[in-house]
Amino acid sequence: MFRPKLPTMPQPTGRVTPAAVVVEPTTITPGTPASPPAPVTPAPVASRPTVQLTLGSVLALAAGGGAAVLVVGAVLVSMLLAVAITGVSVALVAVVLRLLVNDMHKGR
């Protein structure tokens, strides 16, 4: 019951000829010996100044991060509110339709 049923391969129909492949040996020519690798020199270090954060830049980064968190939070809350309003409206439509169908069945 739990064994898979493997399909059987059908036999080829018609005339099948195997492809004639002839493999001929090739001659091997000895290569030239490899030269020793050149010494690797380290890459030059760029003389860039390091980034120094001042008090103003730290405050600007903190304010920007806080603003980003507030914007993302507002977007998520608005999406949640939209889903809640949609759910309530769908529930109200369902109640009204149910009342209408019940009234039609009672013949009022």
PDB file of N, CA and C in Angstrom:
ATOM      1  N   MET A   1       0.822  -1.189   0.000  1.00  0.00           N
ATOM      2  CA  MET A   1       0.000   0.000   0.000  1.00  0.00           C
ATOM      3  C   MET A   1       0.868   1.256   0.000  1.00  0.00           C
ATOM      4  N   PHE A   2       1.944   1.239   0.754  1.00  0.00           N
ATOM      5  CA  PHE A   2       2.783   2.427   0.849  1.00  0.00           C
ATOM      6  C   PHE A   2       3.955   2.411  -0.124  1.00  0.00           C
ATOM      7  N   ARG A   3       4.015   1.399  -0.972  1.00  0.00           N
ATOM      8  CA  ARG A   3       5.109   1.335  -1.938  1.00  0.00           C
ATOM      9  C   ARG A   3       4.749   2.139  -3.177  1.00  0.00           C
ATOM     10  N   PRO A   4       5.658   2.960  -3.653  1.00  0.00           N
ATOM     11  CA  PRO A   4       5.343   3.738  -4.853  1.00  0.00           C
ATOM     12  C   PRO A   4       5.313   2.850  -6.084  1.00  0.00           C
ATOM     13  N   LYS A   5       4.470   3.202  -6.997  1.00  0.00           N
ATOM     14  CA  LYS A   5       4.375   2.462  -8.252  1.00  0.00           C
ATOM     15  C   LYS A   5       5.251   3.172  -9.273  1.00  0.00           C
ATOM     16  N   LEU A   6       6.324   2.524  -9.648  1.00  0.00           N
ATOM     17  CA  LEU A   6       7.245   3.119 -10.596  1.00  0.00           C
ATOM     18  C   LEU A   6       6.789   2.792 -12.014  1.00  0.00           C
ATOM     19  N   PRO A   7       6.757   3.783 -12.874  1.00  0.00           N
ATOM     20  CA  PRO A   7       6.326   3.499 -14.246  1.00  0.00           C
ATOM     21  C   PRO A   7       7.408   2.724 -14.985  1.00  0.00           C
ATOM     22  N   THR A   8       6.974   1.844 -15.850  1.00  0.00           N
ATOM     23  CA  THR A   8       7.929   1.092 -16.654  1.00  0.00           C
ATOM     24  C   THR A   8       8.217   1.877 -17.919  1.00  0.00           C
ATOM     25  N   MET A   9       9.457   1.833 -18.337  1.00  0.00           N
ATOM     26  CA  MET A   9       9.854   2.557 -19.538  1.00  0.00           C
ATOM     27  C   MET A   9       9.378   1.775 -20.758  1.00  0.00           C
ATOM     28  N   PRO A  10       8.655   2.393 -21.670  1.00  0.00           N
ATOM     29  CA  PRO A  10       8.205   1.671 -22.859  1.00  0.00           C
ATOM     30  C   PRO A  10       9.387   1.396 -23.790  1.00  0.00           C
ATOM     31  N   GLN A  11       9.271   0.318 -24.516  1.00  0.00           N
ATOM     32  CA  GLN A  11      10.317  -0.028 -25.470  1.00  0.00           C
ATOM     33  C   GLN A  11      10.244   0.920 -26.654  1.00  0.00           C
ATOM     34  N   PRO A  12      11.391   1.307 -27.188  1.00  0.00           N
ATOM     35  CA  PRO A  12      11.364   2.225 -28.326  1.00  0.00           C
ATOM     36  C   PRO A  12      10.719   1.562 -29.537  1.00  0.00           C
ATOM     37  N   THR A  13       9.978   2.333 -30.252  1.00  0.00           N
ATOM     38  CA  THR A  13       9.329   1.809 -31.452  1.00  0.00           C
ATOM     39  C   THR A  13      10.112   2.285 -32.667  1.00  0.00           C
ATOM     40  N   GLY A  14      10.119   1.505 -33.685  1.00  0.00           N
ATOM     41  CA  GLY A  14      10.841   1.894 -34.887  1.00  0.00           C
ATOM     42  C   GLY A  14      12.277   1.423 -34.841  1.00  0.00           C
ATOM     43  N   ARG A  15      13.051   1.943 -35.738  1.00  0.00           N
ATOM     44  CA  ARG A  15      14.434   1.514 -35.867  1.00  0.00           C
ATOM     45  C   ARG A  15      15.342   2.475 -35.113  1.00  0.00           C
ATOM     46  N   VAL A  16      16.091   1.935 -34.181  1.00  0.00           N
ATOM     47  CA  VAL A  16      16.998   2.759 -33.386  1.00  0.00           C
ATOM     48  C   VAL A  16      18.412   2.326 -33.701  1.00  0.00           C
ATOM     49  N   THR A  17      19.237   3.285 -34.120  1.00  0.00           N
ATOM     50  CA  THR A  17      20.643   2.974 -34.406  1.00  0.00           C
ATOM     51  C   THR A  17      21.513   3.700 -33.402  1.00  0.00           C
ATOM     52  N   PRO A  18      22.460   3.005 -32.805  1.00  0.00           N
ATOM     53  CA  PRO A  18      23.337   3.687 -31.860  1.00  0.00           C
ATOM     54  C   PRO A  18      24.277   4.632 -32.604  1.00  0.00           C
ATOM     55  N   ALA A  19      24.608   5.717 -31.939  1.00  0.00           N
ATOM     56  CA  ALA A  19      25.511   6.684 -32.546  1.00  0.00           C
ATOM     57  C   ALA A  19      26.918   6.114 -32.568  1.00  0.00           C
ATOM     58  N   ALA A  20      27.583   6.241 -33.705  1.00  0.00           N
ATOM     59  CA  ALA A  20      28.941   5.718 -33.848  1.00  0.00           C
ATOM     60  C   ALA A  20      29.927   6.779 -33.378  1.00  0.00           C
ATOM     61  N   VAL A  21      30.528   6.526 -32.239  1.00  0.00           N
ATOM     62  CA  VAL A  21      31.502   7.462 -31.693  1.00  0.00           C
ATOM     63  C   VAL A  21      32.850   6.777 -31.694  1.00  0.00           C
ATOM     64  N   VAL A  22      33.805   7.376 -32.365  1.00  0.00           N
ATOM     65  CA  VAL A  22      35.146   6.814 -32.433  1.00  0.00           C
ATOM     66  C   VAL A  22      36.061   7.707 -31.611  1.00  0.00           C
ATOM     67  N   VAL A  23      36.708   7.110 -30.632  1.00  0.00           N
ATOM     68  CA  VAL A  23      37.626   7.861 -29.788  1.00  0.00           C
ATOM     69  C   VAL A  23      39.039   7.476 -30.190  1.00  0.00           C
ATOM     70  N   GLU A  24      39.805   8.469 -30.600  1.00  0.00           N
ATOM     71  CA  GLU A  24      41.180   8.210 -31.000  1.00  0.00           C
ATOM     72  C   GLU A  24      42.117   8.781 -29.936  1.00  0.00           C
ATOM     73  N   PRO A  25      43.173   8.071 -29.622  1.00  0.00           N
ATOM     74  CA  PRO A  25      44.117   8.596 -28.626  1.00  0.00           C
ATOM     75  C   PRO A  25      44.881   9.783 -29.209  1.00  0.00           C
ATOM     76  N   THR A  26      45.189  10.692 -28.358  1.00  0.00           N
ATOM     77  CA  THR A  26      45.956  11.864 -28.784  1.00  0.00           C
ATOM     78  C   THR A  26      47.351  11.777 -28.169  1.00  0.00           C
ATOM     79  N   THR A  27      48.256  12.460 -28.780  1.00  0.00           N
ATOM     80  CA  THR A  27      49.624  12.465 -28.247  1.00  0.00           C
ATOM     81  C   THR A  27      49.734  13.525 -27.175  1.00  0.00           C
ATOM     82  N   ILE A  28      50.545  13.223 -26.190  1.00  0.00           N
ATOM     83  CA  ILE A  28      50.753  14.154 -25.083  1.00  0.00           C
ATOM     84  C   ILE A  28      52.103  14.811 -25.274  1.00  0.00           C
ATOM     85  N   THR A  29      52.085  16.138 -25.314  1.00  0.00           N
ATOM     86  CA  THR A  29      53.351  16.871 -25.451  1.00  0.00           C
ATOM     87  C   THR A  29      53.712  17.429 -24.091  1.00  0.00           C
ATOM     88  N   PRO A  30      54.953  17.247 -23.685  1.00  0.00           N
ATOM     89  CA  PRO A  30      55.340  17.783 -22.373  1.00  0.00           C
ATOM     90  C   PRO A  30      55.355  19.304 -22.410  1.00  0.00           C
ATOM     91  N   GLY A  31      54.861  19.915 -21.353  1.00  0.00           N
ATOM     92  CA  GLY A  31      54.815  21.369 -21.271  1.00  0.00           C
ATOM     93  C   GLY A  31      56.091  21.933 -20.690  1.00  0.00           C
ATOM     94  N   THR A  32      56.193  23.233 -20.752  1.00  0.00           N
ATOM     95  CA  THR A  32      57.368  23.902 -20.178  1.00  0.00           C
ATOM     96  C   THR A  32      57.175  23.992 -18.676  1.00  0.00           C
ATOM     97  N   PRO A  33      58.241  23.899 -17.895  1.00  0.00           N
ATOM     98  CA  PRO A  33      58.082  23.993 -16.437  1.00  0.00           C
ATOM     99  C   PRO A  33      57.618  25.394 -16.042  1.00  0.00           C
ATOM    100  N   ALA A  34      56.794  25.432 -15.026  1.00  0.00           N
ATOM    101  CA  ALA A  34      56.247  26.705 -14.566  1.00  0.00           C
ATOM    102  C   ALA A  34      57.315  27.495 -13.827  1.00  0.00           C
ATOM    103  N   SER A  35      57.293  28.798 -14.054  1.00  0.00           N
ATOM    104  CA  SER A  35      58.257  29.657 -13.356  1.00  0.00           C
ATOM    105  C   SER A  35      57.759  29.898 -11.934  1.00  0.00           C
ATOM    106  N   PRO A  36      58.647  30.181 -10.995  1.00  0.00           N
ATOM    107  CA  PRO A  36      58.204  30.418  -9.617  1.00  0.00           C
ATOM    108  C   PRO A  36      57.342  31.687  -9.554  1.00  0.00           C
ATOM    109  N   PRO A  37      56.357  31.679  -8.694  1.00  0.00           N
ATOM    110  CA  PRO A  37      55.470  32.853  -8.616  1.00  0.00           C
ATOM    111  C   PRO A  37      56.220  34.074  -8.081  1.00  0.00           C
ATOM    112  N   ALA A  38      55.767  35.231  -8.561  1.00  0.00           N
ATOM    113  CA  ALA A  38      56.379  36.484  -8.127  1.00  0.00           C
ATOM    114  C   ALA A  38      55.968  36.771  -6.685  1.00  0.00           C
ATOM    115  N   PRO A  39      56.814  37.415  -5.919  1.00  0.00           N
ATOM    116  CA  PRO A  39      56.440  37.737  -4.532  1.00  0.00           C
ATOM    117  C   PRO A  39      55.263  38.714  -4.511  1.00  0.00           C
ATOM    118  N   VAL A  40      54.363  38.473  -3.571  1.00  0.00           N
ATOM    119  CA  VAL A  40      53.163  39.301  -3.460  1.00  0.00           C
ATOM    120  C   VAL A  40      53.446  40.442  -2.506  1.00  0.00           C
ATOM    121  N   THR A  41      53.208  41.653  -2.998  1.00  0.00           N
ATOM    122  CA  THR A  41      53.407  42.825  -2.138  1.00  0.00           C
ATOM    123  C   THR A  41      52.067  43.195  -1.523  1.00  0.00           C
ATOM    124  N   PRO A  42      52.046  43.601  -0.264  1.00  0.00           N
ATOM    125  CA  PRO A  42      50.774  43.973   0.367  1.00  0.00           C
ATOM    126  C   PRO A  42      50.206  45.234  -0.279  1.00  0.00           C
ATOM    127  N   ALA A  43      48.877  45.309  -0.294  1.00  0.00           N
ATOM    128  CA  ALA A  43      48.211  46.468  -0.885  1.00  0.00           C
ATOM    129  C   ALA A  43      48.481  47.699  -0.040  1.00  0.00           C
ATOM    130  N   PRO A  44      48.643  48.846  -0.680  1.00  0.00           N
ATOM    131  CA  PRO A  44      48.904  50.065   0.095  1.00  0.00           C
ATOM    132  C   PRO A  44      47.668  50.450   0.906  1.00  0.00           C
ATOM    133  N   VAL A  45      47.905  50.945   2.073  1.00  0.00           N
ATOM    134  CA  VAL A  45      46.827  51.346   2.973  1.00  0.00           C
ATOM    135  C   VAL A  45      46.408  52.764   2.608  1.00  0.00           C
ATOM    136  N   ALA A  46      45.100  52.960   2.424  1.00  0.00           N
ATOM    137  CA  ALA A  46      44.595  54.283   2.074  1.00  0.00           C
ATOM    138  C   ALA A  46      44.703  55.201   3.288  1.00  0.00           C
ATOM    139  N   SER A  47      45.079  56.411   3.027  1.00  0.00           N
ATOM    140  CA  SER A  47      45.235  57.360   4.138  1.00  0.00           C
ATOM    141  C   SER A  47      43.971  58.203   4.266  1.00  0.00           C
ATOM    142  N   ARG A  48      42.880  57.533   4.645  1.00  0.00           N
ATOM    143  CA  ARG A  48      41.621  58.244   4.851  1.00  0.00           C
ATOM    144  C   ARG A  48      41.492  58.571   6.330  1.00  0.00           C
ATOM    145  N   PRO A  49      40.910  59.695   6.638  1.00  0.00           N
ATOM    146  CA  PRO A  49      40.702  60.006   8.065  1.00  0.00           C
ATOM    147  C   PRO A  49      39.559  59.163   8.613  1.00  0.00           C
ATOM    148  N   THR A  50      39.632  58.830   9.866  1.00  0.00           N
ATOM    149  CA  THR A  50      38.563  58.055  10.500  1.00  0.00           C
ATOM    150  C   THR A  50      37.372  58.970  10.760  1.00  0.00           C
ATOM    151  N   VAL A  51      36.187  58.363  10.813  1.00  0.00           N
ATOM    152  CA  VAL A  51      34.977  59.142  11.046  1.00  0.00           C
ATOM    153  C   VAL A  51      34.885  59.454  12.524  1.00  0.00           C
ATOM    154  N   GLN A  52      34.752  60.729  12.809  1.00  0.00           N
ATOM    155  CA  GLN A  52      34.643  61.154  14.205  1.00  0.00           C
ATOM    156  C   GLN A  52      33.242  61.715  14.425  1.00  0.00           C
ATOM    157  N   LEU A  53      32.546  61.159  15.386  1.00  0.00           N
ATOM    158  CA  LEU A  53      31.197  61.608  15.679  1.00  0.00           C
ATOM    159  C   LEU A  53      31.243  62.700  16.734  1.00  0.00           C
ATOM    160  N   THR A  54      30.637  63.819  16.405  1.00  0.00           N
ATOM    161  CA  THR A  54      30.547  64.907  17.382  1.00  0.00           C
ATOM    162  C   THR A  54      29.215  64.782  18.100  1.00  0.00           C
ATOM    163  N   LEU A  55      29.004  65.626  19.090  1.00  0.00           N
ATOM    164  CA  LEU A  55      27.761  65.582  19.855  1.00  0.00           C
ATOM    165  C   LEU A  55      26.570  65.917  18.962  1.00  0.00           C
ATOM    166  N   GLY A  56      26.754  66.874  18.070  1.00  0.00           N
ATOM    167  CA  GLY A  56      25.658  67.248  17.175  1.00  0.00           C
ATOM    168  C   GLY A  56      25.290  66.130  16.220  1.00  0.00           C
ATOM    169  N   SER A  57      26.292  65.440  15.680  1.00  0.00           N
ATOM    170  CA  SER A  57      25.992  64.356  14.747  1.00  0.00           C
ATOM    171  C   SER A  57      25.342  63.176  15.465  1.00  0.00           C
ATOM    172  N   VAL A  58      25.749  62.912  16.705  1.00  0.00           N
ATOM    173  CA  VAL A  58      25.113  61.837  17.477  1.00  0.00           C
ATOM    174  C   VAL A  58      23.657  62.179  17.748  1.00  0.00           C
ATOM    175  N   LEU A  59      23.387  63.434  18.102  1.00  0.00           N
ATOM    176  CA  LEU A  59      21.997  63.849  18.351  1.00  0.00           C
ATOM    177  C   LEU A  59      21.171  63.789  17.068  1.00  0.00           C
ATOM    178  N   ALA A  60      21.769  64.151  15.937  1.00  0.00           N
ATOM    179  CA  ALA A  60      21.049  64.085  14.666  1.00  0.00           C
ATOM    180  C   ALA A  60      20.732  62.643  14.293  1.00  0.00           C
ATOM    181  N   LEU A  61      21.692  61.738  14.510  1.00  0.00           N
ATOM    182  CA  LEU A  61      21.439  60.324  14.225  1.00  0.00           C
ATOM    183  C   LEU A  61      20.343  59.764  15.125  1.00  0.00           C
ATOM    184  N   ALA A  62      20.373  60.132  16.402  1.00  0.00           N
ATOM    185  CA  ALA A  62      19.352  59.650  17.329  1.00  0.00           C
ATOM    186  C   ALA A  62      17.980  60.199  16.955  1.00  0.00           C
ATOM    187  N   ALA A  63      17.911  61.466  16.579  1.00  0.00           N
ATOM    188  CA  ALA A  63      16.625  62.056  16.184  1.00  0.00           C
ATOM    189  C   ALA A  63      16.117  61.416  14.899  1.00  0.00           C
ATOM    190  N   GLY A  64      17.000  61.160  13.958  1.00  0.00           N
ATOM    191  CA  GLY A  64      16.585  60.508  12.711  1.00  0.00           C
ATOM    192  C   GLY A  64      16.086  59.103  12.954  1.00  0.00           C
ATOM    193  N   GLY A  65      16.770  58.361  13.821  1.00  0.00           N
ATOM    194  CA  GLY A  65      16.312  57.009  14.140  1.00  0.00           C
ATOM    195  C   GLY A  65      14.972  57.016  14.845  1.00  0.00           C
ATOM    196  N   GLY A  66      14.812  57.953  15.766  1.00  0.00           N
ATOM    197  CA  GLY A  66      13.526  58.065  16.466  1.00  0.00           C
ATOM    198  C   GLY A  66      12.401  58.429  15.521  1.00  0.00           C
ATOM    199  N   ALA A  67      12.674  59.331  14.582  1.00  0.00           N
ATOM    200  CA  ALA A  67      11.648  59.709  13.610  1.00  0.00           C
ATOM    201  C   ALA A  67      11.285  58.522  12.722  1.00  0.00           C
ATOM    202  N   ALA A  68      12.278  57.738  12.332  1.00  0.00           N
ATOM    203  CA  ALA A  68      12.010  56.570  11.497  1.00  0.00           C
ATOM    204  C   ALA A  68      11.143  55.561  12.249  1.00  0.00           C
ATOM    205  N   VAL A  69      11.433  55.362  13.528  1.00  0.00           N
ATOM    206  CA  VAL A  69      10.626  54.433  14.339  1.00  0.00           C
ATOM    207  C   VAL A  69       9.196  54.941  14.459  1.00  0.00           C
ATOM    208  N   LEU A  70       9.027  56.248  14.644  1.00  0.00           N
ATOM    209  CA  LEU A  70       7.672  56.794  14.765  1.00  0.00           C
ATOM    210  C   LEU A  70       6.898  56.673  13.454  1.00  0.00           C
ATOM    211  N   VAL A  71       7.552  56.903  12.338  1.00  0.00           N
ATOM    212  CA  VAL A  71       6.873  56.802  11.041  1.00  0.00           C
ATOM    213  C   VAL A  71       6.457  55.360  10.771  1.00  0.00           C
ATOM    214  N   VAL A  72       7.365  54.430  11.018  1.00  0.00           N
ATOM    215  CA  VAL A  72       7.029  53.015  10.790  1.00  0.00           C
ATOM    216  C   VAL A  72       5.906  52.584  11.722  1.00  0.00           C
ATOM    217  N   GLY A  73       5.936  53.023  12.968  1.00  0.00           N
ATOM    218  CA  GLY A  73       4.868  52.698  13.914  1.00  0.00           C
ATOM    219  C   GLY A  73       3.528  53.264  13.476  1.00  0.00           C
ATOM    220  N   ALA A  74       3.528  54.500  12.975  1.00  0.00           N
ATOM    221  CA  ALA A  74       2.275  55.108  12.521  1.00  0.00           C
ATOM    222  C   ALA A  74       1.708  54.352  11.319  1.00  0.00           C
ATOM    223  N   VAL A  75       2.580  53.930  10.413  1.00  0.00           N
ATOM    224  CA  VAL A  75       2.117  53.179   9.242  1.00  0.00           C
ATOM    225  C   VAL A  75       1.521  51.845   9.676  1.00  0.00           C
ATOM    226  N   LEU A  76       2.185  51.152  10.594  1.00  0.00           N
ATOM    227  CA  LEU A  76       1.670  49.857  11.040  1.00  0.00           C
ATOM    228  C   LEU A  76       0.352  49.991  11.790  1.00  0.00           C
ATOM    229  N   VAL A  77       0.223  51.029  12.613  1.00  0.00           N
ATOM    230  CA  VAL A  77      -1.026  51.231  13.348  1.00  0.00           C
ATOM    231  C   VAL A  77      -2.158  51.582  12.391  1.00  0.00           C
ATOM    232  N   SER A  78      -1.856  52.387  11.375  1.00  0.00           N
ATOM    233  CA  SER A  78      -2.908  52.737  10.414  1.00  0.00           C
ATOM    234  C   SER A  78      -3.346  51.518   9.618  1.00  0.00           C
ATOM    235  N   MET A  79      -2.417  50.626   9.289  1.00  0.00           N
ATOM    236  CA  MET A  79      -2.792  49.404   8.586  1.00  0.00           C
ATOM    237  C   MET A  79      -3.655  48.508   9.476  1.00  0.00           C
ATOM    238  N   LEU A  80      -3.311  48.421  10.745  1.00  0.00           N
ATOM    239  CA  LEU A  80      -4.111  47.629  11.675  1.00  0.00           C
ATOM    240  C   LEU A  80      -5.507  48.216  11.828  1.00  0.00           C
ATOM    241  N   LEU A  81      -5.590  49.527  11.875  1.00  0.00           N
ATOM    242  CA  LEU A  81      -6.886  50.187  11.994  1.00  0.00           C
ATOM    243  C   LEU A  81      -7.723  49.954  10.739  1.00  0.00           C
ATOM    244  N   ALA A  82      -7.090  49.983   9.576  1.00  0.00           N
ATOM    245  CA  ALA A  82      -7.821  49.732   8.328  1.00  0.00           C
ATOM    246  C   ALA A  82      -8.375  48.307   8.300  1.00  0.00           C
ATOM    247  N   VAL A  83      -7.595  47.345   8.764  1.00  0.00           N
ATOM    248  CA  VAL A  83      -8.071  45.959   8.802  1.00  0.00           C
ATOM    249  C   VAL A  83      -9.227  45.823   9.791  1.00  0.00           C
ATOM    250  N   ALA A  84      -9.139  46.502  10.928  1.00  0.00           N
ATOM    251  CA  ALA A  84     -10.209  46.418  11.921  1.00  0.00           C
ATOM    252  C   ALA A  84     -11.500  47.031  11.396  1.00  0.00           C
ATOM    253  N   ILE A  85     -11.399  48.187  10.730  1.00  0.00           N
ATOM    254  CA  ILE A  85     -12.590  48.841  10.183  1.00  0.00           C
ATOM    255  C   ILE A  85     -13.216  47.968   9.096  1.00  0.00           C
ATOM    256  N   THR A  86     -12.391  47.355   8.266  1.00  0.00           N
ATOM    257  CA  THR A  86     -12.905  46.469   7.217  1.00  0.00           C
ATOM    258  C   THR A  86     -13.618  45.270   7.831  1.00  0.00           C
ATOM    259  N   GLY A  87     -13.062  44.708   8.888  1.00  0.00           N
ATOM    260  CA  GLY A  87     -13.697  43.570   9.545  1.00  0.00           C
ATOM    261  C   GLY A  87     -15.049  43.932  10.146  1.00  0.00           C
ATOM    262  N   VAL A  88     -15.125  45.092  10.759  1.00  0.00           N
ATOM    263  CA  VAL A  88     -16.392  45.517  11.356  1.00  0.00           C
ATOM    264  C   VAL A  88     -17.436  45.756  10.269  1.00  0.00           C
ATOM    265  N   SER A  89     -17.039  46.385   9.177  1.00  0.00           N
ATOM    266  CA  SER A  89     -18.010  46.648   8.112  1.00  0.00           C
ATOM    267  C   SER A  89     -18.485  45.350   7.467  1.00  0.00           C
ATOM    268  N   VAL A  90     -17.611  44.385   7.300  1.00  0.00           N
ATOM    269  CA  VAL A  90     -18.019  43.101   6.738  1.00  0.00           C
ATOM    270  C   VAL A  90     -18.978  42.392   7.695  1.00  0.00           C
ATOM    271  N   ALA A  91     -18.724  42.500   8.983  1.00  0.00           N
ATOM    272  CA  ALA A  91     -19.618  41.878   9.960  1.00  0.00           C
ATOM    273  C   ALA A  91     -21.003  42.537   9.929  1.00  0.00           C
ATOM    274  N   LEU A  92     -21.056  43.865   9.792  1.00  0.00           N
ATOM    275  CA  LEU A  92     -22.344  44.549   9.718  1.00  0.00           C
ATOM    276  C   LEU A  92     -23.115  44.156   8.455  1.00  0.00           C
ATOM    277  N   VAL A  93     -22.426  44.054   7.341  1.00  0.00           N
ATOM    278  CA  VAL A  93     -23.084  43.630   6.103  1.00  0.00           C
ATOM    279  C   VAL A  93     -23.624  42.214   6.254  1.00  0.00           C
ATOM    280  N   ALA A  94     -22.885  41.356   6.922  1.00  0.00           N
ATOM    281  CA  ALA A  94     -23.351  39.981   7.116  1.00  0.00           C
ATOM    282  C   ALA A  94     -24.610  39.949   7.975  1.00  0.00           C
ATOM    283  N   VAL A  95     -24.656  40.780   9.007  1.00  0.00           N
ATOM    284  CA  VAL A  95     -25.847  40.809   9.871  1.00  0.00           C
ATOM    285  C   VAL A  95     -27.047  41.319   9.094  1.00  0.00           C
ATOM    286  N   VAL A  96     -26.864  42.371   8.305  1.00  0.00           N
ATOM    287  CA  VAL A  96     -27.975  42.919   7.530  1.00  0.00           C
ATOM    288  C   VAL A  96     -28.461  41.901   6.503  1.00  0.00           C
ATOM    289  N   LEU A  97     -27.540  41.234   5.809  1.00  0.00           N
ATOM    290  CA  LEU A  97     -27.951  40.224   4.844  1.00  0.00           C
ATOM    291  C   LEU A  97     -28.687  39.071   5.518  1.00  0.00           C
ATOM    292  N   ARG A  98     -28.246  38.685   6.682  1.00  0.00           N
ATOM    293  CA  ARG A  98     -28.922  37.601   7.406  1.00  0.00           C
ATOM    294  C   ARG A  98     -30.349  37.996   7.776  1.00  0.00           C
ATOM    295  N   LEU A  99     -30.522  39.238   8.228  1.00  0.00           N
ATOM    296  CA  LEU A  99     -31.869  39.696   8.559  1.00  0.00           C
ATOM    297  C   LEU A  99     -32.756  39.742   7.317  1.00  0.00           C
ATOM    298  N   LEU A 100     -32.209  40.199   6.192  1.00  0.00           N
ATOM    299  CA  LEU A 100     -32.997  40.252   4.963  1.00  0.00           C
ATOM    300  C   LEU A 100     -33.390  38.854   4.487  1.00  0.00           C
ATOM    301  N   VAL A 101     -32.469  37.902   4.561  1.00  0.00           N
ATOM    302  CA  VAL A 101     -32.787  36.548   4.126  1.00  0.00           C
ATOM    303  C   VAL A 101     -33.829  35.920   5.041  1.00  0.00           C
ATOM    304  N   ASN A 102     -33.721  36.166   6.349  1.00  0.00           N
ATOM    305  CA  ASN A 102     -34.714  35.630   7.291  1.00  0.00           C
ATOM    306  C   ASN A 102     -36.091  36.238   7.022  1.00  0.00           C
ATOM    307  N   ASP A 103     -36.141  37.536   6.706  1.00  0.00           N
ATOM    308  CA  ASP A 103     -37.425  38.160   6.405  1.00  0.00           C
ATOM    309  C   ASP A 103     -38.028  37.605   5.122  1.00  0.00           C
ATOM    310  N   MET A 104     -37.169  37.282   4.126  1.00  0.00           N
ATOM    311  CA  MET A 104     -37.688  36.725   2.885  1.00  0.00           C
ATOM    312  C   MET A 104     -38.260  35.326   3.104  1.00  0.00           C
ATOM    313  N   HIS A 105     -37.647  34.554   3.980  1.00  0.00           N
ATOM    314  CA  HIS A 105     -38.138  33.198   4.236  1.00  0.00           C
ATOM    315  C   HIS A 105     -39.444  33.202   5.046  1.00  0.00           C
ATOM    316  N   LYS A 106     -39.621  34.213   5.855  1.00  0.00           N
ATOM    317  CA  LYS A 106     -40.849  34.283   6.662  1.00  0.00           C
ATOM    318  C   LYS A 106     -42.003  34.853   5.831  1.00  0.00           C
ATOM    319  N   GLY A 107     -41.694  35.458   4.720  1.00  0.00           N
ATOM    320  CA  GLY A 107     -42.738  35.975   3.831  1.00  0.00           C
ATOM    321  C   GLY A 107     -43.307  37.294   4.268  1.00  0.00           C
ATOM    322  N   ARG A 108     -42.547  38.112   4.890  1.00  0.00           N
ATOM    323  CA  ARG A 108     -43.051  39.412   5.357  1.00  0.00           C
ATOM    324  C   ARG A 108     -43.013  40.441   4.290  1.00  0.00           C
TER     325      ARG A 108
END
